[in-house]
Amino acid sequence: ISDAKWWLSHDRYIHRTTAILRALLTYTSEQLLDLDDPAERERLEI
């Protein structure tokens, strides 16, 4: 949530009322491409 709050500190939002939504994200491993994983980044590059 702190990163969403940081995002809203950008100039594009300076004169706007803002909010943060929280959502539950439910997915299988097959639906995920995790680019923090070096093997997945390499797979995408290939």
All heavy atoms as atom14 arrays in JSON, in Angstrom:
{
  "sequence": "ISDAKWWLSHDRYIHRTTAILRALLTYTSEQLLDLDDPAERERLEI",
  "atom14_mask": [
    [1, 1, 1, 1, 1, 1, 1, 1, 0, 0, 0, 0, 0, 0],
    [1, 1, 1, 1, 1, 1, 0, 0, 0, 0, 0, 0, 0, 0],
    [1, 1, 1, 1, 1, 1, 1, 1, 0, 0, 0, 0, 0, 0],
    [1, 1, 1, 1, 1, 0, 0, 0, 0, 0, 0, 0, 0, 0],
    [1, 1, 1, 1, 1, 1, 1, 1, 1, 0, 0, 0, 0, 0],
    [1, 1, 1, 1, 1, 1, 1, 1, 1, 1, 1, 1, 1, 1],
    [1, 1, 1, 1, 1, 1, 1, 1, 1, 1, 1, 1, 1, 1],
    [1, 1, 1, 1, 1, 1, 1, 1, 0, 0, 0, 0, 0, 0],
    [1, 1, 1, 1, 1, 1, 0, 0, 0, 0, 0, 0, 0, 0],
    [1, 1, 1, 1, 1, 1, 1, 1, 1, 1, 0, 0, 0, 0],
    [1, 1, 1, 1, 1, 1, 1, 1, 0, 0, 0, 0, 0, 0],
    [1, 1, 1, 1, 1, 1, 1, 1, 1, 1, 1, 0, 0, 0],
    [1, 1, 1, 1, 1, 1, 1, 1, 1, 1, 1, 1, 0, 0],
    [1, 1, 1, 1, 1, 1, 1, 1, 0, 0, 0, 0, 0, 0],
    [1, 1, 1, 1, 1, 1, 1, 1, 1, 1, 0, 0, 0, 0],
    [1, 1, 1, 1, 1, 1, 1, 1, 1, 1, 1, 0, 0, 0],
    [1, 1, 1, 1, 1, 1, 1, 0, 0, 0, 0, 0, 0, 0],
    [1, 1, 1, 1, 1, 1, 1, 0, 0, 0, 0, 0, 0, 0],
    [1, 1, 1, 1, 1, 0, 0, 0, 0, 0, 0, 0, 0, 0],
    [1, 1, 1, 1, 1, 1, 1, 1, 0, 0, 0, 0, 0, 0],
    [1, 1, 1, 1, 1, 1, 1, 1, 0, 0, 0, 0, 0, 0],
    [1, 1, 1, 1, 1, 1, 1, 1, 1, 1, 1, 0, 0, 0],
    [1, 1, 1, 1, 1, 0, 0, 0, 0, 0, 0, 0, 0, 0],
    [1, 1, 1, 1, 1, 1, 1, 1, 0, 0, 0, 0, 0, 0],
    [1, 1, 1, 1, 1, 1, 1, 1, 0, 0, 0, 0, 0, 0],
    [1, 1, 1, 1, 1, 1, 1, 0, 0, 0, 0, 0, 0, 0],
    [1, 1, 1, 1, 1, 1, 1, 1, 1, 1, 1, 1, 0, 0],
    [1, 1, 1, 1, 1, 1, 1, 0, 0, 0, 0, 0, 0, 0],
    [1, 1, 1, 1, 1, 1, 0, 0, 0, 0, 0, 0, 0, 0],
    [1, 1, 1, 1, 1, 1, 1, 1, 1, 0, 0, 0, 0, 0],
    [1, 1, 1, 1, 1, 1, 1, 1, 1, 0, 0, 0, 0, 0],
    [1, 1, 1, 1, 1, 1, 1, 1, 0, 0, 0, 0, 0, 0],
    [1, 1, 1, 1, 1, 1, 1, 1, 0, 0, 0, 0, 0, 0],
    [1, 1, 1, 1, 1, 1, 1, 1, 0, 0, 0, 0, 0, 0],
    [1, 1, 1, 1, 1, 1, 1, 1, 0, 0, 0, 0, 0, 0],
    [1, 1, 1, 1, 1, 1, 1, 1, 0, 0, 0, 0, 0, 0],
    [1, 1, 1, 1, 1, 1, 1, 1, 0, 0, 0, 0, 0, 0],
    [1, 1, 1, 1, 1, 1, 1, 0, 0, 0, 0, 0, 0, 0],
    [1, 1, 1, 1, 1, 0, 0, 0, 0, 0, 0, 0, 0, 0],
    [1, 1, 1, 1, 1, 1, 1, 1, 1, 0, 0, 0, 0, 0],
    [1, 1, 1, 1, 1, 1, 1, 1, 1, 1, 1, 0, 0, 0],
    [1, 1, 1, 1, 1, 1, 1, 1, 1, 0, 0, 0, 0, 0],
    [1, 1, 1, 1, 1, 1, 1, 1, 1, 1, 1, 0, 0, 0],
    [1, 1, 1, 1, 1, 1, 1, 1, 0, 0, 0, 0, 0, 0],
    [1, 1, 1, 1, 1, 1, 1, 1, 1, 0, 0, 0, 0, 0],
    [1, 1, 1, 1, 1, 1, 1, 1, 0, 0, 0, 0, 0, 0]
  ],
  "atom14_positions": [
    [[0.82, -1.21, 0.0], [0.0, 0.0, 0.0], [0.85, 1.26, 0.0], [0.49, 2.26, -0.61], [-1.02, -0.02, 1.18], [-2.08, 1.06, 0.97], [-0.29, 0.11, 2.5], [-3.24, 0.96, 1.95], [0.0, 0.0, 0.0], [0.0, 0.0, 0.0], [0.0, 0.0, 0.0], [0.0, 0.0, 0.0], [0.0, 0.0, 0.0], [0.0, 0.0, 0.0]],
    [[2.01, 1.23, 0.65], [2.88, 2.41, 0.69], [3.34, 2.79, -0.72], [3.53, 3.98, -1.02], [4.08, 2.18, 1.6], [4.83, 1.06, 1.17], [0.0, 0.0, 0.0], [0.0, 0.0, 0.0], [0.0, 0.0, 0.0], [0.0, 0.0, 0.0], [0.0, 0.0, 0.0], [0.0, 0.0, 0.0], [0.0, 0.0, 0.0], [0.0, 0.0, 0.0]],
    [[3.51, 1.83, -1.6], [3.91, 2.13, -2.97], [2.76, 2.74, -3.77], [2.98, 3.62, -4.61], [4.46, 0.88, -3.66], [5.77, 0.42, -3.04], [6.52, 1.27, -2.52], [6.04, -0.79, -3.07], [0.0, 0.0, 0.0], [0.0, 0.0, 0.0], [0.0, 0.0, 0.0], [0.0, 0.0, 0.0], [0.0, 0.0, 0.0], [0.0, 0.0, 0.0]],
    [[1.55, 2.3, -3.51], [0.39, 2.93, -4.15], [0.25, 4.37, -3.67], [-0.07, 5.27, -4.46], [-0.89, 2.13, -3.85], [0.0, 0.0, 0.0], [0.0, 0.0, 0.0], [0.0, 0.0, 0.0], [0.0, 0.0, 0.0], [0.0, 0.0, 0.0], [0.0, 0.0, 0.0], [0.0, 0.0, 0.0], [0.0, 0.0, 0.0], [0.0, 0.0, 0.0]],
    [[0.52, 4.59, -2.41], [0.48, 5.96, -1.87], [1.58, 6.81, -2.53], [1.33, 7.95, -2.91], [0.68, 5.91, -0.35], [0.53, 7.23, 0.32], [0.64, 7.08, 1.82], [0.54, 8.43, 2.5], [0.66, 8.33, 3.95], [0.0, 0.0, 0.0], [0.0, 0.0, 0.0], [0.0, 0.0, 0.0], [0.0, 0.0, 0.0], [0.0, 0.0, 0.0]],
    [[2.76, 6.24, -2.7], [3.84, 6.95, -3.39], [3.41, 7.31, -4.81], [3.65, 8.42, -5.28], [5.1, 6.06, -3.42], [6.11, 6.5, -4.42], [7.04, 7.49, -4.28], [6.26, 6.0, -5.76], [7.76, 7.63, -5.44], [7.3, 6.72, -6.37], [5.63, 5.01, -6.5], [7.72, 6.48, -7.68], [6.03, 4.76, -7.79], [7.06, 5.49, -8.37]],
    [[2.78, 6.38, -5.52], [2.33, 6.61, -6.89], [1.41, 7.84, -6.96], [1.5, 8.65, -7.87], [1.61, 5.38, -7.42], [1.06, 5.55, -8.79], [-0.25, 5.7, -9.14], [1.8, 5.58, -10.01], [-0.38, 5.83, -10.5], [0.88, 5.77, -11.06], [3.15, 5.48, -10.32], [1.27, 5.85, -12.39], [3.53, 5.57, -11.66], [2.6, 5.75, -12.66]],
    [[0.56, 7.96, -5.98], [-0.39, 9.08, -5.96], [0.26, 10.41, -5.61], [-0.38, 11.46, -5.7], [-1.54, 8.77, -5.0], [-2.43, 7.62, -5.45], [-3.43, 7.26, -4.35], [-3.13, 7.94, -6.76], [0.0, 0.0, 0.0], [0.0, 0.0, 0.0], [0.0, 0.0, 0.0], [0.0, 0.0, 0.0], [0.0, 0.0, 0.0], [0.0, 0.0, 0.0]],
    [[1.53, 10.39, -5.21], [2.25, 11.63, -4.9], [2.82, 12.29, -6.16], [3.36, 13.4, -6.09], [3.38, 11.37, -3.9], [4.45, 10.66, -4.52], [0.0, 0.0, 0.0], [0.0, 0.0, 0.0], [0.0, 0.0, 0.0], [0.0, 0.0, 0.0], [0.0, 0.0, 0.0], [0.0, 0.0, 0.0], [0.0, 0.0, 0.0], [0.0, 0.0, 0.0]],
    [[2.7, 11.65, -7.32], [3.21, 12.21, -8.57], [2.43, 13.47, -8.96], [1.27, 13.64, -8.6], [3.11, 11.19, -9.7], [4.16, 10.14, -9.63], [4.1, 9.09, -8.75], [5.33, 9.99, -10.31], [5.16, 8.32, -8.91], [5.92, 8.85, -9.84], [0.0, 0.0, 0.0], [0.0, 0.0, 0.0], [0.0, 0.0, 0.0], [0.0, 0.0, 0.0]],
    [[3.08, 14.31, -9.73], [2.5, 15.58, -10.15], [1.13, 15.46, -10.8], [0.28, 16.32, -10.65], [3.44, 16.32, -11.11], [4.66, 16.89, -10.4], [4.63, 16.98, -9.15], [5.63, 17.24, -11.09], [0.0, 0.0, 0.0], [0.0, 0.0, 0.0], [0.0, 0.0, 0.0], [0.0, 0.0, 0.0], [0.0, 0.0, 0.0], [0.0, 0.0, 0.0]],
    [[0.91, 14.36, -11.54], [-0.36, 14.22, -12.25], [-1.56, 14.18, -11.31], [-2.68, 14.39, -11.73], [-0.35, 12.99, -13.14], [-0.49, 11.69, -12.36], [-0.67, 10.49, -13.21], [0.59, 10.07, -13.75], [0.77, 9.0, -14.48], [-0.25, 8.24, -14.79], [1.94, 8.66, -14.91], [0.0, 0.0, 0.0], [0.0, 0.0, 0.0], [0.0, 0.0, 0.0]],
    [[-1.32, 13.89, -10.03], [-2.41, 13.79, -9.06], [-2.44, 14.96, -8.07], [-3.28, 14.98, -7.18], [-2.29, 12.48, -8.27], [-2.42, 11.26, -9.13], [-1.32, 10.45, -9.38], [-3.63, 10.91, -9.72], [-1.43, 9.32, -10.18], [-3.75, 9.79, -10.52], [-2.64, 9.01, -10.75], [-2.75, 7.89, -11.54], [0.0, 0.0, 0.0], [0.0, 0.0, 0.0]],
    [[-1.55, 15.93, -8.22], [-1.38, 16.97, -7.21], [-2.65, 17.78, -6.93], [-2.9, 18.16, -5.81], [-0.18, 17.87, -7.56], [0.28, 18.6, -6.31], [-0.49, 18.82, -8.68], [1.7, 19.07, -6.36], [0.0, 0.0, 0.0], [0.0, 0.0, 0.0], [0.0, 0.0, 0.0], [0.0, 0.0, 0.0], [0.0, 0.0, 0.0], [0.0, 0.0, 0.0]],
    [[-3.46, 18.01, -7.92], [-4.69, 18.8, -7.72], [-5.94, 17.95, -7.77], [-7.03, 18.44, -8.07], [-4.76, 19.92, -8.77], [-3.64, 20.9, -8.66], [-3.48, 21.73, -7.58], [-2.59, 21.15, -9.49], [-2.4, 22.46, -7.75], [-1.83, 22.12, -8.9], [0.0, 0.0, 0.0], [0.0, 0.0, 0.0], [0.0, 0.0, 0.0], [0.0, 0.0, 0.0]],
    [[-5.8, 16.66, -7.48], [-6.94, 15.75, -7.54], [-7.1, 15.03, -6.21], [-6.14, 14.8, -5.49], [-6.72, 14.71, -8.64], [-6.6, 15.34, -10.02], [-6.38, 14.33, -11.07], [-7.66, 13.8, -11.52], [-7.78, 12.99, -12.54], [-6.73, 12.6, -13.21], [-8.96, 12.54, -12.9], [0.0, 0.0, 0.0], [0.0, 0.0, 0.0], [0.0, 0.0, 0.0]],
    [[-8.33, 14.69, -5.92], [-8.6, 13.83, -4.76], [-8.35, 12.41, -5.23], [-8.82, 12.0, -6.29], [-10.06, 14.0, -4.29], [-10.27, 15.38, -3.99], [-10.33, 13.17, -3.06], [0.0, 0.0, 0.0], [0.0, 0.0, 0.0], [0.0, 0.0, 0.0], [0.0, 0.0, 0.0], [0.0, 0.0, 0.0], [0.0, 0.0, 0.0], [0.0, 0.0, 0.0]],
    [[-7.59, 11.67, -4.44], [-7.21, 10.32, -4.85], [-7.65, 9.29, -3.81], [-8.06, 9.63, -2.71], [-5.68, 10.22, -5.04], [-5.04, 10.58, -3.81], [-5.21, 11.13, -6.16], [0.0, 0.0, 0.0], [0.0, 0.0, 0.0], [0.0, 0.0, 0.0], [0.0, 0.0, 0.0], [0.0, 0.0, 0.0], [0.0, 0.0, 0.0], [0.0, 0.0, 0.0]],
    [[-7.52, 8.04, -4.21], [-7.9, 6.93, -3.32], [-7.04, 5.72, -3.67], [-6.4, 5.68, -4.72], [-9.38, 6.59, -3.5], [0.0, 0.0, 0.0], [0.0, 0.0, 0.0], [0.0, 0.0, 0.0], [0.0, 0.0, 0.0], [0.0, 0.0, 0.0], [0.0, 0.0, 0.0], [0.0, 0.0, 0.0], [0.0, 0.0, 0.0], [0.0, 0.0, 0.0]],
    [[-7.06, 4.77, -2.78], [-6.37, 3.51, -3.02], [-7.39, 2.38, -2.9], [-8.14, 2.31, -1.94], [-5.21, 3.3, -2.02], [-4.15, 4.38, -2.23], [-4.6, 1.9, -2.19], [-3.01, 4.35, -1.25], [0.0, 0.0, 0.0], [0.0, 0.0, 0.0], [0.0, 0.0, 0.0], [0.0, 0.0, 0.0], [0.0, 0.0, 0.0], [0.0, 0.0, 0.0]],
    [[-7.38, 1.53, -3.93], [-8.21, 0.34, -3.92], [-7.34, -0.87, -3.59], [-6.19, -0.94, -4.02], [-8.87, 0.12, -5.28], [-9.83, 1.2, -5.76], [-10.35, 0.85, -7.15], [-10.97, 1.38, -4.79], [0.0, 0.0, 0.0], [0.0, 0.0, 0.0], [0.0, 0.0, 0.0], [0.0, 0.0, 0.0], [0.0, 0.0, 0.0], [0.0, 0.0, 0.0]],
    [[-7.91, -1.78, -2.84], [-7.25, -3.06, -2.59], [-8.09, -4.14, -3.27], [-9.32, -4.12, -3.19], [-7.16, -3.37, -1.09], [-6.41, -4.68, -0.83], [-6.37, -5.02, 0.61], [-7.68, -5.6, 0.96], [-8.02, -5.99, 2.17], [-7.2, -5.83, 3.18], [-9.19, -6.52, 2.4], [0.0, 0.0, 0.0], [0.0, 0.0, 0.0], [0.0, 0.0, 0.0]],
    [[-7.42, -5.06, -3.95], [-8.12, -6.15, -4.62], [-7.41, -7.46, -4.3], [-6.19, -7.5, -4.14], [-8.14, -5.93, -6.13], [0.0, 0.0, 0.0], [0.0, 0.0, 0.0], [0.0, 0.0, 0.0], [0.0, 0.0, 0.0], [0.0, 0.0, 0.0], [0.0, 0.0, 0.0], [0.0, 0.0, 0.0], [0.0, 0.0, 0.0], [0.0, 0.0, 0.0]],
    [[-8.2, -8.49, -4.22], [-7.64, -9.83, -4.06], [-7.33, -10.36, -5.46], [-8.19, -10.36, -6.33], [-8.63, -10.75, -3.36], [-8.14, -12.18, -3.11], [-6.95, -12.19, -2.16], [-9.27, -13.03, -2.55], [0.0, 0.0, 0.0], [0.0, 0.0, 0.0], [0.0, 0.0, 0.0], [0.0, 0.0, 0.0], [0.0, 0.0, 0.0], [0.0, 0.0, 0.0]],
    [[-6.1, -10.8, -5.65], [-5.68, -11.35, -6.93], [-5.48, -12.85, -6.74], [-4.7, -13.28, -5.89], [-4.37, -10.7, -7.39], [-4.36, -9.16, -7.39], [-2.99, -8.63, -7.79], [-5.46, -8.61, -8.27], [0.0, 0.0, 0.0], [0.0, 0.0, 0.0], [0.0, 0.0, 0.0], [0.0, 0.0, 0.0], [0.0, 0.0, 0.0], [0.0, 0.0, 0.0]],
    [[-6.22, -13.65, -7.49], [-6.19, -15.1, -7.36], [-5.82, -15.7, -8.71], [-6.51, -15.46, -9.71], [-7.56, -15.64, -6.9], [-7.93, -14.96, -5.69], [-7.52, -17.13, -6.66], [0.0, 0.0, 0.0], [0.0, 0.0, 0.0], [0.0, 0.0, 0.0], [0.0, 0.0, 0.0], [0.0, 0.0, 0.0], [0.0, 0.0, 0.0], [0.0, 0.0, 0.0]],
    [[-4.73, -16.46, -8.74], [-4.22, -16.98, -10.0], [-3.46, -18.29, -9.76], [-3.05, -18.59, -8.65], [-3.28, -15.96, -10.67], [-2.16, -15.52, -9.75], [-0.93, -16.17, -9.77], [-2.33, -14.46, -8.87], [0.09, -15.8, -8.92], [-1.32, -14.08, -8.02], [-0.11, -14.74, -8.04], [0.91, -14.36, -7.19], [0.0, 0.0, 0.0], [0.0, 0.0, 0.0]],
    [[-3.28, -19.04, -10.82], [-2.5, -20.28, -10.76], [-1.06, -19.95, -11.17], [-0.79, -18.92, -11.8], [-3.06, -21.36, -11.69], [-2.9, -20.9, -13.04], [-4.52, -21.67, -11.39], [0.0, 0.0, 0.0], [0.0, 0.0, 0.0], [0.0, 0.0, 0.0], [0.0, 0.0, 0.0], [0.0, 0.0, 0.0], [0.0, 0.0, 0.0], [0.0, 0.0, 0.0]],
    [[-0.16, -20.86, -10.88], [1.24, -20.68, -11.28], [1.37, -20.57, -12.8], [2.23, -19.86, -13.31], [2.09, -21.83, -10.77], [2.13, -21.81, -9.37], [0.0, 0.0, 0.0], [0.0, 0.0, 0.0], [0.0, 0.0, 0.0], [0.0, 0.0, 0.0], [0.0, 0.0, 0.0], [0.0, 0.0, 0.0], [0.0, 0.0, 0.0], [0.0, 0.0, 0.0]],
    [[0.49, -21.26, -13.53], [0.53, -21.21, -14.99], [0.12, -19.84, -15.53], [0.47, -19.49, -16.65], [-0.38, -22.29, -15.6], [0.11, -23.71, -15.36], [-0.2, -24.24, -13.95], [-1.18, -23.78, -13.32], [0.57, -25.09, -13.48], [0.0, 0.0, 0.0], [0.0, 0.0, 0.0], [0.0, 0.0, 0.0], [0.0, 0.0, 0.0], [0.0, 0.0, 0.0]],
    [[-0.63, -19.09, -14.76], [-1.07, -17.77, -15.19], [-0.04, -16.68, -14.89], [-0.19, -15.55, -15.34], [-2.39, -17.39, -14.5], [-3.56, -18.21, -14.97], [-4.8, -17.85, -14.18], [-4.88, -18.08, -12.98], [-5.78, -17.27, -14.87], [0.0, 0.0, 0.0], [0.0, 0.0, 0.0], [0.0, 0.0, 0.0], [0.0, 0.0, 0.0], [0.0, 0.0, 0.0]],
    [[0.98, -17.01, -14.11], [1.95, -16.02, -13.65], [3.23, -16.05, -14.48], [3.84, -17.1, -14.67], [2.31, -16.28, -12.18], [3.43, -15.41, -11.59], [3.03, -13.93, -11.54], [3.81, -15.92, -10.19], [0.0, 0.0, 0.0], [0.0, 0.0, 0.0], [0.0, 0.0, 0.0], [0.0, 0.0, 0.0], [0.0, 0.0, 0.0], [0.0, 0.0, 0.0]],
    [[3.66, -14.88, -14.93], [4.99, -14.68, -15.46], [5.71, -13.8, -14.45], [5.43, -12.61, -14.33], [4.95, -14.01, -16.84], [6.3, -13.69, -17.48], [7.15, -14.95, -17.64], [6.1, -12.99, -18.81], [0.0, 0.0, 0.0], [0.0, 0.0, 0.0], [0.0, 0.0, 0.0], [0.0, 0.0, 0.0], [0.0, 0.0, 0.0], [0.0, 0.0, 0.0]],
    [[6.58, -14.41, -13.65], [7.28, -13.73, -12.56], [8.66, -13.3, -13.04], [9.59, -14.1, -13.08], [7.39, -14.66, -11.35], [8.04, -14.0, -10.16], [8.49, -12.83, -10.26], [8.12, -14.66, -9.1], [0.0, 0.0, 0.0], [0.0, 0.0, 0.0], [0.0, 0.0, 0.0], [0.0, 0.0, 0.0], [0.0, 0.0, 0.0], [0.0, 0.0, 0.0]],
    [[8.79, -12.04, -13.39], [10.05, -11.54, -13.93], [11.09, -11.26, -12.84], [12.21, -10.85, -13.16], [9.81, -10.31, -14.8], [8.98, -10.59, -16.05], [8.75, -9.31, -16.84], [9.63, -11.65, -16.92], [0.0, 0.0, 0.0], [0.0, 0.0, 0.0], [0.0, 0.0, 0.0], [0.0, 0.0, 0.0], [0.0, 0.0, 0.0], [0.0, 0.0, 0.0]],
    [[10.76, -11.51, -11.58], [11.77, -11.49, -10.53], [12.6, -12.76, -10.58], [13.72, -12.81, -10.08], [11.14, -11.35, -9.14], [10.6, -9.95, -8.89], [11.09, -9.0, -9.53], [9.7, -9.81, -8.05], [0.0, 0.0, 0.0], [0.0, 0.0, 0.0], [0.0, 0.0, 0.0], [0.0, 0.0, 0.0], [0.0, 0.0, 0.0], [0.0, 0.0, 0.0]],
    [[12.09, -13.79, -11.22], [12.76, -15.06, -11.38], [13.7, -14.96, -12.6], [13.23, -14.75, -13.71], [11.73, -16.17, -11.6], [12.32, -17.55, -11.78], [13.52, -17.67, -12.11], [11.57, -18.52, -11.62], [0.0, 0.0, 0.0], [0.0, 0.0, 0.0], [0.0, 0.0, 0.0], [0.0, 0.0, 0.0], [0.0, 0.0, 0.0], [0.0, 0.0, 0.0]],
    [[15.02, -15.09, -12.38], [15.96, -14.97, -13.51], [15.63, -15.92, -14.67], [15.8, -15.56, -15.83], [17.32, -15.3, -12.9], [17.16, -15.04, -11.44], [15.72, -15.34, -11.12], [0.0, 0.0, 0.0], [0.0, 0.0, 0.0], [0.0, 0.0, 0.0], [0.0, 0.0, 0.0], [0.0, 0.0, 0.0], [0.0, 0.0, 0.0], [0.0, 0.0, 0.0]],
    [[15.16, -17.11, -14.37], [14.82, -18.07, -15.43], [13.64, -17.56, -16.27], [13.62, -17.76, -17.49], [14.49, -19.43, -14.82], [0.0, 0.0, 0.0], [0.0, 0.0, 0.0], [0.0, 0.0, 0.0], [0.0, 0.0, 0.0], [0.0, 0.0, 0.0], [0.0, 0.0, 0.0], [0.0, 0.0, 0.0], [0.0, 0.0, 0.0], [0.0, 0.0, 0.0]],
    [[12.68, -16.91, -15.64], [11.53, -16.37, -16.38], [11.95, -15.19, -17.24], [11.46, -15.04, -18.37], [10.42, -15.96, -15.4], [9.76, -17.12, -14.7], [8.95, -17.97, -15.66], [7.91, -17.5, -16.14], [9.38, -19.11, -15.93], [0.0, 0.0, 0.0], [0.0, 0.0, 0.0], [0.0, 0.0, 0.0], [0.0, 0.0, 0.0], [0.0, 0.0, 0.0]],
    [[12.85, -14.34, -16.72], [13.34, -13.22, -17.53], [14.09, -13.75, -18.75], [13.93, -13.25, -19.86], [14.26, -12.3, -16.71], [13.52, -11.38, -15.77], [14.4, -10.26, -15.24], [15.69, -10.69, -14.74], [15.9, -11.15, -13.5], [14.9, -11.25, -12.65], [17.11, -11.5, -13.12], [0.0, 0.0, 0.0], [0.0, 0.0, 0.0], [0.0, 0.0, 0.0]],
    [[14.9, -14.78, -18.54], [15.65, -15.39, -19.65], [14.69, -16.01, -20.66], [14.88, -15.88, -21.88], [16.63, -16.43, -19.12], [17.48, -17.07, -20.19], [18.43, -16.13, -20.9], [18.74, -15.04, -20.36], [18.87, -16.47, -22.01], [0.0, 0.0, 0.0], [0.0, 0.0, 0.0], [0.0, 0.0, 0.0], [0.0, 0.0, 0.0], [0.0, 0.0, 0.0]],
    [[13.65, -16.67, -20.18], [12.65, -17.27, -21.06], [11.97, -16.2, -21.92], [11.76, -16.4, -23.11], [11.6, -18.02, -20.21], [10.51, -18.69, -21.02], [9.61, -19.51, -20.13], [8.65, -18.72, -19.39], [7.35, -18.66, -19.67], [6.84, -19.39, -20.64], [6.55, -17.92, -18.94], [0.0, 0.0, 0.0], [0.0, 0.0, 0.0], [0.0, 0.0, 0.0]],
    [[11.68, -15.06, -21.33], [11.05, -13.97, -22.07], [12.01, -13.4, -23.11], [11.62, -13.1, -24.24], [10.56, -12.88, -21.11], [9.7, -11.78, -21.72], [8.46, -12.35, -22.39], [9.3, -10.78, -20.64], [0.0, 0.0, 0.0], [0.0, 0.0, 0.0], [0.0, 0.0, 0.0], [0.0, 0.0, 0.0], [0.0, 0.0, 0.0], [0.0, 0.0, 0.0]],
    [[13.27, -13.25, -22.74], [14.28, -12.76, -23.67], [14.42, -13.71, -24.87], [14.45, -13.28, -26.03], [15.62, -12.63, -22.95], [16.72, -11.99, -23.75], [16.7, -10.47, -23.69], [16.2, -9.9, -22.71], [17.19, -9.87, -24.65], [0.0, 0.0, 0.0], [0.0, 0.0, 0.0], [0.0, 0.0, 0.0], [0.0, 0.0, 0.0], [0.0, 0.0, 0.0]],
    [[14.5, -15.0, -24.61], [14.6, -16.0, -25.67], [13.36, -15.98, -26.55], [13.44, -16.01, -27.78], [14.85, -17.41, -25.07], [16.25, -17.48, -24.47], [14.63, -18.5, -26.11], [16.49, -18.7, -23.6], [0.0, 0.0, 0.0], [0.0, 0.0, 0.0], [0.0, 0.0, 0.0], [0.0, 0.0, 0.0], [0.0, 0.0, 0.0], [0.0, 0.0, 0.0]]
  ]
}
